[in-house]
Amino acid sequence: MTQYLVAVHHPDNYDPSFEGEDMQRDIRALNEEMKAAGIRIFVGGLNAAASAMSLRKQPDGEVEVTKGPYLKTSEHMGGFWVLEAVDLDEALAWGRKAAIACRAPIEVRPFH
């Protein structure tokens, strides 16, 4: 079986305080369903992208550390699951459920 990253994407100005009880209930239910199916390896939510620190190797060999996300985009990963699925179709089925529960765009990507 292959492991897949199922990532939730939020806009820069995402405010988790707007997540209502219905959404939190739906995400909890999805987590329980994933556990019951035996496919969930790990789940985690992330703080806002502004809290990220980026590290870049410089030509002189030093590593520069800067505040903020590495990618300059209008959307960032807000959380993710690592699932172990039979195939991409199964991972996409869970991704669809995640998109409904999280009310946000989802990316599904296999690990090497």
C-alpha atoms as a PDB file:
ATOM      1  CA  MET A   1       0.000   0.000   0.000  1.00  0.00           C
ATOM      2  CA  THR A   2       1.090   3.552  -0.706  1.00  0.00           C
ATOM      3  CA  GLN A   3       1.079   6.476   1.687  1.00  0.00           C
ATOM      4  CA  TYR A   4      -0.581   9.705   0.550  1.00  0.00           C
ATOM      5  CA  LEU A   5      -0.494  13.267   1.785  1.00  0.00           C
ATOM      6  CA  VAL A   6      -3.988  14.762   1.934  1.00  0.00           C
ATOM      7  CA  ALA A   7      -3.401  18.490   2.480  1.00  0.00           C
ATOM      8  CA  VAL A   8      -5.924  21.205   3.333  1.00  0.00           C
ATOM      9  CA  HIS A   9      -5.244  24.642   1.828  1.00  0.00           C
ATOM     10  CA  HIS A  10      -6.326  27.958   3.356  1.00  0.00           C
ATOM     11  CA  PRO A  11      -6.064  31.544   2.106  1.00  0.00           C
ATOM     12  CA  ASP A  12      -3.516  33.846   3.752  1.00  0.00           C
ATOM     13  CA  ASN A  13      -6.183  35.600   5.779  1.00  0.00           C
ATOM     14  CA  TYR A  14      -7.761  32.362   7.068  1.00  0.00           C
ATOM     15  CA  ASP A  15      -9.176  32.756  10.563  1.00  0.00           C
ATOM     16  CA  PRO A  16      -9.768  29.418  12.330  1.00  0.00           C
ATOM     17  CA  SER A  17     -12.155  31.114  14.750  1.00  0.00           C
ATOM     18  CA  PHE A  18     -14.716  31.109  11.909  1.00  0.00           C
ATOM     19  CA  GLU A  19     -14.792  27.303  11.924  1.00  0.00           C
ATOM     20  CA  GLY A  20     -18.220  26.590  13.325  1.00  0.00           C
ATOM     21  CA  GLU A  21     -19.321  23.670  15.431  1.00  0.00           C
ATOM     22  CA  ASP A  22     -20.724  21.951  12.331  1.00  0.00           C
ATOM     23  CA  MET A  23     -17.351  22.020  10.594  1.00  0.00           C
ATOM     24  CA  GLN A  24     -15.472  20.849  13.691  1.00  0.00           C
ATOM     25  CA  ARG A  25     -17.989  18.020  14.100  1.00  0.00           C
ATOM     26  CA  ASP A  26     -17.566  16.992  10.453  1.00  0.00           C
ATOM     27  CA  ILE A  27     -13.761  16.933  10.749  1.00  0.00           C
ATOM     28  CA  ARG A  28     -13.904  14.897  13.972  1.00  0.00           C
ATOM     29  CA  ALA A  29     -16.271  12.446  12.299  1.00  0.00           C
ATOM     30  CA  LEU A  30     -13.952  12.139   9.301  1.00  0.00           C
ATOM     31  CA  ASN A  31     -10.986  11.492  11.607  1.00  0.00           C
ATOM     32  CA  GLU A  32     -12.936   8.763  13.394  1.00  0.00           C
ATOM     33  CA  GLU A  33     -13.962   7.227  10.069  1.00  0.00           C
ATOM     34  CA  MET A  34     -10.326   7.213   8.896  1.00  0.00           C
ATOM     35  CA  LYS A  35      -9.198   5.579  12.159  1.00  0.00           C
ATOM     36  CA  ALA A  36     -11.940   2.947  11.933  1.00  0.00           C
ATOM     37  CA  ALA A  37     -10.908   2.172   8.334  1.00  0.00           C
ATOM     38  CA  GLY A  38      -7.291   1.728   9.483  1.00  0.00           C
ATOM     39  CA  ILE A  39      -5.903   4.111   6.851  1.00  0.00           C
ATOM     40  CA  ARG A  40      -4.901   7.111   8.971  1.00  0.00           C
ATOM     41  CA  ILE A  41      -1.189   7.245   9.817  1.00  0.00           C
ATOM     42  CA  PHE A  42      -1.009  10.827  11.079  1.00  0.00           C
ATOM     43  CA  VAL A  43      -3.105  14.004  11.179  1.00  0.00           C
ATOM     44  CA  GLY A  44      -2.060  17.525  12.086  1.00  0.00           C
ATOM     45  CA  GLY A  45      -3.225  21.104  11.843  1.00  0.00           C
ATOM     46  CA  LEU A  46      -0.757  23.906  11.206  1.00  0.00           C
ATOM     47  CA  ASN A  47      -0.523  27.420  12.579  1.00  0.00           C
ATOM     48  CA  ALA A  48      -0.839  30.315  10.130  1.00  0.00           C
ATOM     49  CA  ALA A  49       1.795  30.519   7.399  1.00  0.00           C
ATOM     50  CA  ALA A  50       3.032  33.784   8.927  1.00  0.00           C
ATOM     51  CA  SER A  51       4.408  31.726  11.844  1.00  0.00           C
ATOM     52  CA  ALA A  52       6.673  29.710   9.516  1.00  0.00           C
ATOM     53  CA  MET A  53      10.440  30.063   9.384  1.00  0.00           C
ATOM     54  CA  SER A  54      12.263  29.472   6.087  1.00  0.00           C
ATOM     55  CA  LEU A  55      15.832  28.233   5.786  1.00  0.00           C
ATOM     56  CA  ARG A  56      17.971  28.660   2.658  1.00  0.00           C
ATOM     57  CA  LYS A  57      21.529  27.546   2.050  1.00  0.00           C
ATOM     58  CA  GLN A  58      23.628  30.473   0.852  1.00  0.00           C
ATOM     59  CA  PRO A  59      26.514  30.320  -1.677  1.00  0.00           C
ATOM     60  CA  ASP A  60      29.016  30.677   1.189  1.00  0.00           C
ATOM     61  CA  GLY A  61      27.606  27.532   2.847  1.00  0.00           C
ATOM     62  CA  GLU A  62      25.781  29.359   5.640  1.00  0.00           C
ATOM     63  CA  VAL A  63      22.054  28.840   6.151  1.00  0.00           C
ATOM     64  CA  GLU A  64      19.901  31.961   6.205  1.00  0.00           C
ATOM     65  CA  VAL A  65      16.800  31.858   8.418  1.00  0.00           C
ATOM     66  CA  THR A  66      13.956  34.250   7.611  1.00  0.00           C
ATOM     67  CA  LYS A  67      10.477  34.729   9.027  1.00  0.00           C
ATOM     68  CA  GLY A  68       7.533  33.645   6.923  1.00  0.00           C
ATOM     69  CA  PRO A  69       6.734  30.844   4.500  1.00  0.00           C
ATOM     70  CA  TYR A  70       9.172  29.783   1.809  1.00  0.00           C
ATOM     71  CA  LEU A  71       6.593  30.105  -0.972  1.00  0.00           C
ATOM     72  CA  LYS A  72       5.062  33.507  -1.622  1.00  0.00           C
ATOM     73  CA  THR A  73       1.504  32.535  -2.474  1.00  0.00           C
ATOM     74  CA  SER A  74      -2.000  33.568  -1.459  1.00  0.00           C
ATOM     75  CA  GLU A  75      -2.834  30.090  -0.097  1.00  0.00           C
ATOM     76  CA  HIS A  76      -0.923  27.827   2.274  1.00  0.00           C
ATOM     77  CA  MET A  77      -1.246  24.378   3.789  1.00  0.00           C
ATOM     78  CA  GLY A  78      -3.425  24.605   6.884  1.00  0.00           C
ATOM     79  CA  GLY A  79      -3.312  20.969   7.916  1.00  0.00           C
ATOM     80  CA  PHE A  80      -2.882  17.478   6.580  1.00  0.00           C
ATOM     81  CA  TRP A  81      -3.390  13.763   6.922  1.00  0.00           C
ATOM     82  CA  VAL A  82      -0.983  10.989   6.020  1.00  0.00           C
ATOM     83  CA  LEU A  83      -3.050   8.039   4.826  1.00  0.00           C
ATOM     84  CA  GLU A  84      -2.116   4.545   3.714  1.00  0.00           C
ATOM     85  CA  ALA A  85      -4.396   3.624   0.822  1.00  0.00           C
ATOM     86  CA  VAL A  86      -4.625   0.768  -1.638  1.00  0.00           C
ATOM     87  CA  ASP A  87      -4.359   3.131  -4.613  1.00  0.00           C
ATOM     88  CA  LEU A  88      -4.875   6.698  -5.797  1.00  0.00           C
ATOM     89  CA  ASP A  89      -8.614   6.160  -6.269  1.00  0.00           C
ATOM     90  CA  GLU A  90      -9.021   5.281  -2.590  1.00  0.00           C
ATOM     91  CA  ALA A  91      -6.876   8.268  -1.544  1.00  0.00           C
ATOM     92  CA  LEU A  92      -8.984  10.557  -3.752  1.00  0.00           C
ATOM     93  CA  ALA A  93     -12.178   9.202  -2.176  1.00  0.00           C
ATOM     94  CA  TRP A  94     -10.834  10.240   1.242  1.00  0.00           C
ATOM     95  CA  GLY A  95      -9.725  13.563  -0.243  1.00  0.00           C
ATOM     96  CA  ARG A  96     -13.279  14.203  -1.410  1.00  0.00           C
ATOM     97  CA  LYS A  97     -14.557  13.585   2.116  1.00  0.00           C
ATOM     98  CA  ALA A  98     -11.891  15.949   3.461  1.00  0.00           C
ATOM     99  CA  ALA A  99     -12.932  18.693   1.025  1.00  0.00           C
ATOM    100  CA  ILE A 100     -16.517  18.398   2.254  1.00  0.00           C
ATOM    101  CA  ALA A 101     -15.628  18.270   5.964  1.00  0.00           C
ATOM    102  CA  CYS A 102     -13.039  21.073   5.832  1.00  0.00           C
ATOM    103  CA  ARG A 103     -14.919  23.228   3.337  1.00  0.00           C
ATOM    104  CA  ALA A 104     -11.570  23.975   1.703  1.00  0.00           C
ATOM    105  CA  PRO A 105      -9.440  22.912  -1.275  1.00  0.00           C
ATOM    106  CA  ILE A 106      -7.624  19.592  -0.810  1.00  0.00           C
ATOM    107  CA  GLU A 107      -4.458  18.275  -2.458  1.00  0.00           C
ATOM    108  CA  VAL A 108      -3.732  14.526  -2.615  1.00  0.00           C
ATOM    109  CA  ARG A 109      -0.174  13.487  -3.345  1.00  0.00           C
ATOM    110  CA  PRO A 110       1.611  10.099  -3.030  1.00  0.00           C
ATOM    111  CA  PHE A 111       4.856   9.712  -1.123  1.00  0.00           C
ATOM    112  CA  HIS A 112       7.853   8.118  -2.882  1.00  0.00           C
END
